[in-house]
Amino acid sequence: MLATIRSGIEVLGVCVIDAKTAAGGQLREDSVDLETLREHAEQHAAKRILVVGPGFEKSGRLLKRGTAAGVVFLTTKKLRRWFSTM
């Protein structure tokens, strides 16, 4: 998904958002295709990539590789807390 980030009428940038789910509550290393996300971001001139999922503690090298590539990881629990404060 693509999201346009605005502040008032000013466009701050575009963000690629990839939302995942996992029956066991944790994403695996092969759950996210970082290369495809980078290609998608480049194609749409997106400044950020956000991956939303239930948990990342058991995702192996995903967090290290993704963070090094500028990917932001957000758990659904943190997202829910964020929305509940709005």
PDB file of N, CA and C in Angstrom:
ATOM      1  N   MET A   1       0.853  -1.143   0.000  1.00  0.00           N
ATOM      2  CA  MET A   1       0.000   0.000   0.000  1.00  0.00           C
ATOM      3  C   MET A   1       0.911   1.222   0.000  1.00  0.00           C
ATOM      4  N   LEU A   2       0.436   2.298  -0.619  1.00  0.00           N
ATOM      5  CA  LEU A   2       1.133   3.576  -0.596  1.00  0.00           C
ATOM      6  C   LEU A   2       0.327   4.562   0.227  1.00  0.00           C
ATOM      7  N   ALA A   3       1.010   5.340   1.045  1.00  0.00           N
ATOM      8  CA  ALA A   3       0.340   6.375   1.822  1.00  0.00           C
ATOM      9  C   ALA A   3       1.062   7.690   1.577  1.00  0.00           C
ATOM     10  N   THR A   4       0.295   8.737   1.342  1.00  0.00           N
ATOM     11  CA  THR A   4       0.863  10.065   1.203  1.00  0.00           C
ATOM     12  C   THR A   4       0.824  10.733   2.564  1.00  0.00           C
ATOM     13  N   ILE A   5       1.961  11.223   3.004  1.00  0.00           N
ATOM     14  CA  ILE A   5       2.063  11.838   4.327  1.00  0.00           C
ATOM     15  C   ILE A   5       1.993  13.351   4.141  1.00  0.00           C
ATOM     16  N   ARG A   6       1.044  13.959   4.844  1.00  0.00           N
ATOM     17  CA  ARG A   6       0.818  15.399   4.709  1.00  0.00           C
ATOM     18  C   ARG A   6       0.867  16.088   6.058  1.00  0.00           C
ATOM     19  N   SER A   7       1.200  17.346   5.986  1.00  0.00           N
ATOM     20  CA  SER A   7       1.095  18.235   7.132  1.00  0.00           C
ATOM     21  C   SER A   7       0.296  19.426   6.625  1.00  0.00           C
ATOM     22  N   GLY A   8      -0.975  19.447   6.982  1.00  0.00           N
ATOM     23  CA  GLY A   8      -1.859  20.454   6.391  1.00  0.00           C
ATOM     24  C   GLY A   8      -2.006  20.166   4.912  1.00  0.00           C
ATOM     25  N   ILE A   9      -1.676  21.124   4.084  1.00  0.00           N
ATOM     26  CA  ILE A   9      -1.778  20.905   2.630  1.00  0.00           C
ATOM     27  C   ILE A   9      -0.430  20.519   2.018  1.00  0.00           C
ATOM     28  N   GLU A  10       0.635  20.557   2.830  1.00  0.00           N
ATOM     29  CA  GLU A  10       1.968  20.235   2.333  1.00  0.00           C
ATOM     30  C   GLU A  10       2.198  18.722   2.327  1.00  0.00           C
ATOM     31  N   VAL A  11       2.647  18.198   1.196  1.00  0.00           N
ATOM     32  CA  VAL A  11       2.986  16.782   1.094  1.00  0.00           C
ATOM     33  C   VAL A  11       4.414  16.598   1.599  1.00  0.00           C
ATOM     34  N   LEU A  12       4.566  15.779   2.639  1.00  0.00           N
ATOM     35  CA  LEU A  12       5.881  15.526   3.217  1.00  0.00           C
ATOM     36  C   LEU A  12       6.595  14.368   2.536  1.00  0.00           C
ATOM     37  N   GLY A  13       5.822  13.471   1.944  1.00  0.00           N
ATOM     38  CA  GLY A  13       6.422  12.332   1.264  1.00  0.00           C
ATOM     39  C   GLY A  13       5.444  11.194   1.094  1.00  0.00           C
ATOM     40  N   VAL A  14       5.959  10.124   0.527  1.00  0.00           N
ATOM     41  CA  VAL A  14       5.181   8.916   0.280  1.00  0.00           C
ATOM     42  C   VAL A  14       5.826   7.786   1.072  1.00  0.00           C
ATOM     43  N   CYS A  15       5.000   6.900   1.601  1.00  0.00           N
ATOM     44  CA  CYS A  15       5.466   5.765   2.396  1.00  0.00           C
ATOM     45  C   CYS A  15       4.865   4.478   1.839  1.00  0.00           C
ATOM     46  N   VAL A  16       5.697   3.459   1.667  1.00  0.00           N
ATOM     47  CA  VAL A  16       5.219   2.123   1.308  1.00  0.00           C
ATOM     48  C   VAL A  16       4.899   1.418   2.618  1.00  0.00           C
ATOM     49  N   ILE A  17       3.704   0.849   2.715  1.00  0.00           N
ATOM     50  CA  ILE A  17       3.293   0.132   3.919  1.00  0.00           C
ATOM     51  C   ILE A  17       2.970  -1.314   3.549  1.00  0.00           C
ATOM     52  N   ASP A  18       3.594  -2.238   4.254  1.00  0.00           N
ATOM     53  CA  ASP A  18       3.353  -3.659   4.048  1.00  0.00           C
ATOM     54  C   ASP A  18       2.809  -4.224   5.355  1.00  0.00           C
ATOM     55  N   ALA A  19       1.586  -4.689   5.359  1.00  0.00           N
ATOM     56  CA  ALA A  19       0.953  -5.244   6.557  1.00  0.00           C
ATOM     57  C   ALA A  19       0.951  -6.767   6.456  1.00  0.00           C
ATOM     58  N   LYS A  20       1.416  -7.401   7.520  1.00  0.00           N
ATOM     59  CA  LYS A  20       1.543  -8.860   7.546  1.00  0.00           C
ATOM     60  C   LYS A  20       0.797  -9.436   8.742  1.00  0.00           C
ATOM     61  N   THR A  21       0.481 -10.710   8.636  1.00  0.00           N
ATOM     62  CA  THR A  21      -0.114 -11.438   9.747  1.00  0.00           C
ATOM     63  C   THR A  21       0.582 -12.789   9.863  1.00  0.00           C
ATOM     64  N   ALA A  22       0.488 -13.390  11.023  1.00  0.00           N
ATOM     65  CA  ALA A  22       1.103 -14.695  11.239  1.00  0.00           C
ATOM     66  C   ALA A  22       0.274 -15.460  12.263  1.00  0.00           C
ATOM     67  N   ALA A  23      -0.039 -16.695  11.944  1.00  0.00           N
ATOM     68  CA  ALA A  23      -0.858 -17.515  12.844  1.00  0.00           C
ATOM     69  C   ALA A  23      -0.210 -17.664  14.215  1.00  0.00           C
ATOM     70  N   GLY A  24       1.119 -17.761  14.247  1.00  0.00           N
ATOM     71  CA  GLY A  24       1.829 -17.936  15.513  1.00  0.00           C
ATOM     72  C   GLY A  24       2.126 -16.636  16.228  1.00  0.00           C
ATOM     73  N   GLY A  25       1.737 -15.516  15.646  1.00  0.00           N
ATOM     74  CA  GLY A  25       1.953 -14.227  16.284  1.00  0.00           C
ATOM     75  C   GLY A  25       3.317 -13.604  16.053  1.00  0.00           C
ATOM     76  N   GLN A  26       4.180 -14.282  15.301  1.00  0.00           N
ATOM     77  CA  GLN A  26       5.519 -13.779  15.008  1.00  0.00           C
ATOM     78  C   GLN A  26       5.821 -13.966  13.524  1.00  0.00           C
ATOM     79  N   LEU A  27       6.334 -12.927  12.891  1.00  0.00           N
ATOM     80  CA  LEU A  27       6.736 -13.061  11.499  1.00  0.00           C
ATOM     81  C   LEU A  27       8.066 -13.791  11.412  1.00  0.00           C
ATOM     82  N   ARG A  28       8.221 -14.555  10.350  1.00  0.00           N
ATOM     83  CA  ARG A  28       9.484 -15.248  10.094  1.00  0.00           C
ATOM     84  C   ARG A  28      10.333 -14.396   9.155  1.00  0.00           C
ATOM     85  N   GLU A  29      11.587 -14.737   9.059  1.00  0.00           N
ATOM     86  CA  GLU A  29      12.528 -14.003   8.212  1.00  0.00           C
ATOM     87  C   GLU A  29      12.053 -13.930   6.757  1.00  0.00           C
ATOM     88  N   ASP A  30      11.445 -15.016   6.279  1.00  0.00           N
ATOM     89  CA  ASP A  30      11.014 -15.044   4.877  1.00  0.00           C
ATOM     90  C   ASP A  30       9.609 -14.469   4.662  1.00  0.00           C
ATOM     91  N   SER A  31       9.039 -13.855   5.685  1.00  0.00           N
ATOM     92  CA  SER A  31       7.696 -13.280   5.570  1.00  0.00           C
ATOM     93  C   SER A  31       7.674 -11.962   4.817  1.00  0.00           C
ATOM     94  N   VAL A  32       8.803 -11.285   4.769  1.00  0.00           N
ATOM     95  CA  VAL A  32       8.873  -9.959   4.162  1.00  0.00           C
ATOM     96  C   VAL A  32       9.948  -9.970   3.087  1.00  0.00           C
ATOM     97  N   ASP A  33       9.595  -9.539   1.892  1.00  0.00           N
ATOM     98  CA  ASP A  33      10.540  -9.458   0.776  1.00  0.00           C
ATOM     99  C   ASP A  33      11.093  -8.037   0.720  1.00  0.00           C
ATOM    100  N   LEU A  34      12.216  -7.812   1.374  1.00  0.00           N
ATOM    101  CA  LEU A  34      12.790  -6.468   1.466  1.00  0.00           C
ATOM    102  C   LEU A  34      13.163  -5.905   0.102  1.00  0.00           C
ATOM    103  N   GLU A  35      13.660  -6.745  -0.783  1.00  0.00           N
ATOM    104  CA  GLU A  35      14.048  -6.266  -2.116  1.00  0.00           C
ATOM    105  C   GLU A  35      12.842  -5.745  -2.890  1.00  0.00           C
ATOM    106  N   THR A  36      11.736  -6.461  -2.836  1.00  0.00           N
ATOM    107  CA  THR A  36      10.519  -6.010  -3.525  1.00  0.00           C
ATOM    108  C   THR A  36      10.012  -4.710  -2.912  1.00  0.00           C
ATOM    109  N   LEU A  37      10.078  -4.587  -1.598  1.00  0.00           N
ATOM    110  CA  LEU A  37       9.656  -3.342  -0.952  1.00  0.00           C
ATOM    111  C   LEU A  37      10.539  -2.178  -1.391  1.00  0.00           C
ATOM    112  N   ARG A  38      11.859  -2.402  -1.483  1.00  0.00           N
ATOM    113  CA  ARG A  38      12.767  -1.349  -1.948  1.00  0.00           C
ATOM    114  C   ARG A  38      12.447  -0.943  -3.384  1.00  0.00           C
ATOM    115  N   GLU A  39      12.178  -1.933  -4.238  1.00  0.00           N
ATOM    116  CA  GLU A  39      11.829  -1.646  -5.634  1.00  0.00           C
ATOM    117  C   GLU A  39      10.538  -0.832  -5.709  1.00  0.00           C
ATOM    118  N   HIS A  40       9.561  -1.219  -4.911  1.00  0.00           N
ATOM    119  CA  HIS A  40       8.272  -0.520  -4.888  1.00  0.00           C
ATOM    120  C   HIS A  40       8.471   0.928  -4.418  1.00  0.00           C
ATOM    121  N   ALA A  41       9.287   1.122  -3.380  1.00  0.00           N
ATOM    122  CA  ALA A  41       9.566   2.465  -2.875  1.00  0.00           C
ATOM    123  C   ALA A  41      10.255   3.309  -3.940  1.00  0.00           C
ATOM    124  N   GLU A  42      11.203   2.724  -4.622  1.00  0.00           N
ATOM    125  CA  GLU A  42      11.917   3.449  -5.678  1.00  0.00           C
ATOM    126  C   GLU A  42      10.974   3.834  -6.814  1.00  0.00           C
ATOM    127  N   GLN A  43      10.122   2.909  -7.207  1.00  0.00           N
ATOM    128  CA  GLN A  43       9.177   3.136  -8.303  1.00  0.00           C
ATOM    129  C   GLN A  43       8.238   4.308  -8.001  1.00  0.00           C
ATOM    130  N   HIS A  44       7.886   4.502  -6.736  1.00  0.00           N
ATOM    131  CA  HIS A  44       6.925   5.546  -6.362  1.00  0.00           C
ATOM    132  C   HIS A  44       7.574   6.703  -5.604  1.00  0.00           C
ATOM    133  N   ALA A  45       8.901   6.752  -5.623  1.00  0.00           N
ATOM    134  CA  ALA A  45       9.653   7.812  -4.947  1.00  0.00           C
ATOM    135  C   ALA A  45       9.260   7.935  -3.472  1.00  0.00           C
ATOM    136  N   ALA A  46       9.050   6.789  -2.838  1.00  0.00           N
ATOM    137  CA  ALA A  46       8.679   6.778  -1.421  1.00  0.00           C
ATOM    138  C   ALA A  46       9.917   6.992  -0.565  1.00  0.00           C
ATOM    139  N   LYS A  47       9.782   7.825   0.451  1.00  0.00           N
ATOM    140  CA  LYS A  47      10.897   8.121   1.338  1.00  0.00           C
ATOM    141  C   LYS A  47      11.034   7.099   2.464  1.00  0.00           C
ATOM    142  N   ARG A  48       9.958   6.392   2.780  1.00  0.00           N
ATOM    143  CA  ARG A  48       9.946   5.445   3.896  1.00  0.00           C
ATOM    144  C   ARG A  48       9.273   4.132   3.501  1.00  0.00           C
ATOM    145  N   ILE A  49       9.673   3.079   4.212  1.00  0.00           N
ATOM    146  CA  ILE A  49       9.022   1.775   4.107  1.00  0.00           C
ATOM    147  C   ILE A  49       8.652   1.370   5.521  1.00  0.00           C
ATOM    148  N   LEU A  50       7.388   1.015   5.715  1.00  0.00           N
ATOM    149  CA  LEU A  50       6.874   0.596   7.017  1.00  0.00           C
ATOM    150  C   LEU A  50       6.318  -0.814   6.896  1.00  0.00           C
ATOM    151  N   VAL A  51       6.741  -1.692   7.799  1.00  0.00           N
ATOM    152  CA  VAL A  51       6.195  -3.049   7.864  1.00  0.00           C
ATOM    153  C   VAL A  51       5.453  -3.173   9.188  1.00  0.00           C
ATOM    154  N   VAL A  52       4.173  -3.524   9.097  1.00  0.00           N
ATOM    155  CA  VAL A  52       3.330  -3.699  10.275  1.00  0.00           C
ATOM    156  C   VAL A  52       3.052  -5.196  10.430  1.00  0.00           C
ATOM    157  N   GLY A  53       3.257  -5.713  11.636  1.00  0.00           N
ATOM    158  CA  GLY A  53       3.020  -7.126  11.864  1.00  0.00           C
ATOM    159  C   GLY A  53       2.762  -7.401  13.336  1.00  0.00           C
ATOM    160  N   PRO A  54       2.348  -8.633  13.644  1.00  0.00           N
ATOM    161  CA  PRO A  54       2.013  -8.971  15.032  1.00  0.00           C
ATOM    162  C   PRO A  54       3.224  -8.994  15.954  1.00  0.00           C
ATOM    163  N   GLY A  55       4.384  -9.375  15.449  1.00  0.00           N
ATOM    164  CA  GLY A  55       5.587  -9.435  16.261  1.00  0.00           C
ATOM    165  C   GLY A  55       6.794  -9.772  15.410  1.00  0.00           C
ATOM    166  N   PHE A  56       7.964  -9.347  15.853  1.00  0.00           N
ATOM    167  CA  PHE A  56       9.175  -9.538  15.064  1.00  0.00           C
ATOM    168  C   PHE A  56      10.303 -10.209  15.849  1.00  0.00           C
ATOM    169  N   GLU A  57      10.039 -10.609  17.086  1.00  0.00           N
ATOM    170  CA  GLU A  57      11.088 -11.158  17.934  1.00  0.00           C
ATOM    171  C   GLU A  57      11.720 -12.428  17.362  1.00  0.00           C
ATOM    172  N   LYS A  58      10.971 -13.211  16.623  1.00  0.00           N
ATOM    173  CA  LYS A  58      11.480 -14.471  16.080  1.00  0.00           C
ATOM    174  C   LYS A  58      11.704 -14.390  14.570  1.00  0.00           C
ATOM    175  N   SER A  59      11.972 -13.193  14.073  1.00  0.00           N
ATOM    176  CA  SER A  59      12.081 -13.002  12.625  1.00  0.00           C
ATOM    177  C   SER A  59      13.503 -13.168  12.103  1.00  0.00           C
ATOM    178  N   GLY A  60      14.396 -13.690  12.907  1.00  0.00           N
ATOM    179  CA  GLY A  60      15.758 -13.941  12.439  1.00  0.00           C
ATOM    180  C   GLY A  60      16.467 -12.660  12.042  1.00  0.00           C
ATOM    181  N   ARG A  61      17.016 -12.643  10.840  1.00  0.00           N
ATOM    182  CA  ARG A  61      17.796 -11.503  10.360  1.00  0.00           C
ATOM    183  C   ARG A  61      16.948 -10.378   9.784  1.00  0.00           C
ATOM    184  N   LEU A  62      15.638 -10.544   9.757  1.00  0.00           N
ATOM    185  CA  LEU A  62      14.753  -9.554   9.139  1.00  0.00           C
ATOM    186  C   LEU A  62      14.930  -8.159   9.736  1.00  0.00           C
ATOM    187  N   LEU A  63      14.897  -8.040  11.054  1.00  0.00           N
ATOM    188  CA  LEU A  63      15.020  -6.726  11.686  1.00  0.00           C
ATOM    189  C   LEU A  63      16.359  -6.068  11.378  1.00  0.00           C
ATOM    190  N   LYS A  64      17.431  -6.822  11.476  1.00  0.00           N
ATOM    191  CA  LYS A  64      18.766  -6.265  11.222  1.00  0.00           C
ATOM    192  C   LYS A  64      18.891  -5.806   9.777  1.00  0.00           C
ATOM    193  N   ARG A  65      18.500  -6.654   8.843  1.00  0.00           N
ATOM    194  CA  ARG A  65      18.607  -6.311   7.422  1.00  0.00           C
ATOM    195  C   ARG A  65      17.660  -5.176   7.053  1.00  0.00           C
ATOM    196  N   GLY A  66      16.442  -5.247   7.552  1.00  0.00           N
ATOM    197  CA  GLY A  66      15.469  -4.208   7.228  1.00  0.00           C
ATOM    198  C   GLY A  66      15.842  -2.862   7.806  1.00  0.00           C
ATOM    199  N   THR A  67      16.258  -2.846   9.057  1.00  0.00           N
ATOM    200  CA  THR A  67      16.649  -1.597   9.700  1.00  0.00           C
ATOM    201  C   THR A  67      17.841  -0.977   8.974  1.00  0.00           C
ATOM    202  N   ALA A  68      18.793  -1.809   8.559  1.00  0.00           N
ATOM    203  CA  ALA A  68      19.953  -1.311   7.803  1.00  0.00           C
ATOM    204  C   ALA A  68      19.528  -0.691   6.479  1.00  0.00           C
ATOM    205  N   ALA A  69      18.415  -1.167   5.929  1.00  0.00           N
ATOM    206  CA  ALA A  69      17.898  -0.635   4.657  1.00  0.00           C
ATOM    207  C   ALA A  69      16.919   0.521   4.870  1.00  0.00           C
ATOM    208  N   GLY A  70      16.718   0.926   6.132  1.00  0.00           N
ATOM    209  CA  GLY A  70      15.825   2.054   6.408  1.00  0.00           C
ATOM    210  C   GLY A  70      14.370   1.685   6.606  1.00  0.00           C
ATOM    211  N   VAL A  71      14.086   0.398   6.746  1.00  0.00           N
ATOM    212  CA  VAL A  71      12.714  -0.058   6.961  1.00  0.00           C
ATOM    213  C   VAL A  71      12.338   0.149   8.429  1.00  0.00           C
ATOM    214  N   VAL A  72      11.122   0.618   8.661  1.00  0.00           N
ATOM    215  CA  VAL A  72      10.603   0.799  10.014  1.00  0.00           C
ATOM    216  C   VAL A  72       9.646  -0.352  10.303  1.00  0.00           C
ATOM    217  N   PHE A  73       9.808  -0.989  11.460  1.00  0.00           N
ATOM    218  CA  PHE A  73       8.953  -2.104  11.857  1.00  0.00           C
ATOM    219  C   PHE A  73       8.045  -1.651  12.993  1.00  0.00           C
ATOM    220  N   LEU A  74       6.764  -1.951  12.875  1.00  0.00           N
ATOM    221  CA  LEU A  74       5.778  -1.529  13.854  1.00  0.00           C
ATOM    222  C   LEU A  74       4.861  -2.709  14.177  1.00  0.00           C
ATOM    223  N   THR A  75       4.749  -3.035  15.454  1.00  0.00           N
ATOM    224  CA  THR A  75       3.848  -4.125  15.835  1.00  0.00           C
ATOM    225  C   THR A  75       2.408  -3.619  15.834  1.00  0.00           C
ATOM    226  N   THR A  76       1.495  -4.541  15.634  1.00  0.00           N
ATOM    227  CA  THR A  76       0.076  -4.177  15.649  1.00  0.00           C
ATOM    228  C   THR A  76      -0.329  -3.679  17.035  1.00  0.00           C
ATOM    229  N   LYS A  77       0.316  -4.188  18.074  1.00  0.00           N
ATOM    230  CA  LYS A  77       0.021  -3.744  19.434  1.00  0.00           C
ATOM    231  C   LYS A  77       0.383  -2.262  19.607  1.00  0.00           C
ATOM    232  N   LYS A  78       1.565  -1.866  19.124  1.00  0.00           N
ATOM    233  CA  LYS A  78       1.964  -0.459  19.204  1.00  0.00           C
ATOM    234  C   LYS A  78       1.064   0.416  18.347  1.00  0.00           C
ATOM    235  N   LEU A  79       0.670  -0.080  17.190  1.00  0.00           N
ATOM    236  CA  LEU A  79      -0.225   0.670  16.313  1.00  0.00           C
ATOM    237  C   LEU A  79      -1.573   0.888  16.991  1.00  0.00           C
ATOM    238  N   ARG A  80      -2.092  -0.158  17.642  1.00  0.00           N
ATOM    239  CA  ARG A  80      -3.370  -0.050  18.354  1.00  0.00           C
ATOM    240  C   ARG A  80      -3.273   0.977  19.490  1.00  0.00           C
ATOM    241  N   ARG A  81      -2.171   0.935  20.248  1.00  0.00           N
ATOM    242  CA  ARG A  81      -1.975   1.912  21.328  1.00  0.00           C
ATOM    243  C   ARG A  81      -1.910   3.335  20.788  1.00  0.00           C
ATOM    244  N   TRP A  82      -1.220   3.506  19.670  1.00  0.00           N
ATOM    245  CA  TRP A  82      -1.092   4.816  19.050  1.00  0.00           C
ATOM    246  C   TRP A  82      -2.478   5.357  18.662  1.00  0.00           C
ATOM    247  N   PHE A  83      -3.292   4.520  18.024  1.00  0.00           N
ATOM    248  CA  PHE A  83      -4.624   4.959  17.609  1.00  0.00           C
ATOM    249  C   PHE A  83      -5.551   5.200  18.803  1.00  0.00           C
ATOM    250  N   SER A  84      -5.342   4.477  19.886  1.00  0.00           N
ATOM    251  CA  SER A  84      -6.231   4.650  21.041  1.00  0.00           C
ATOM    252  C   SER A  84      -5.963   5.984  21.762  1.00  0.00           C
ATOM    253  N   THR A  85      -4.832   6.614  21.483  1.00  0.00           N
ATOM    254  CA  THR A  85      -4.523   7.902  22.106  1.00  0.00           C
ATOM    255  C   THR A  85      -5.008   9.073  21.264  1.00  0.00           C
ATOM    256  N   MET A  86      -5.521   8.809  20.101  1.00  0.00           N
ATOM    257  CA  MET A  86      -5.960   9.890  19.202  1.00  0.00           C
ATOM    258  C   MET A  86      -7.336  10.383  19.577  1.00  0.00           C
TER     259      MET A  86
END
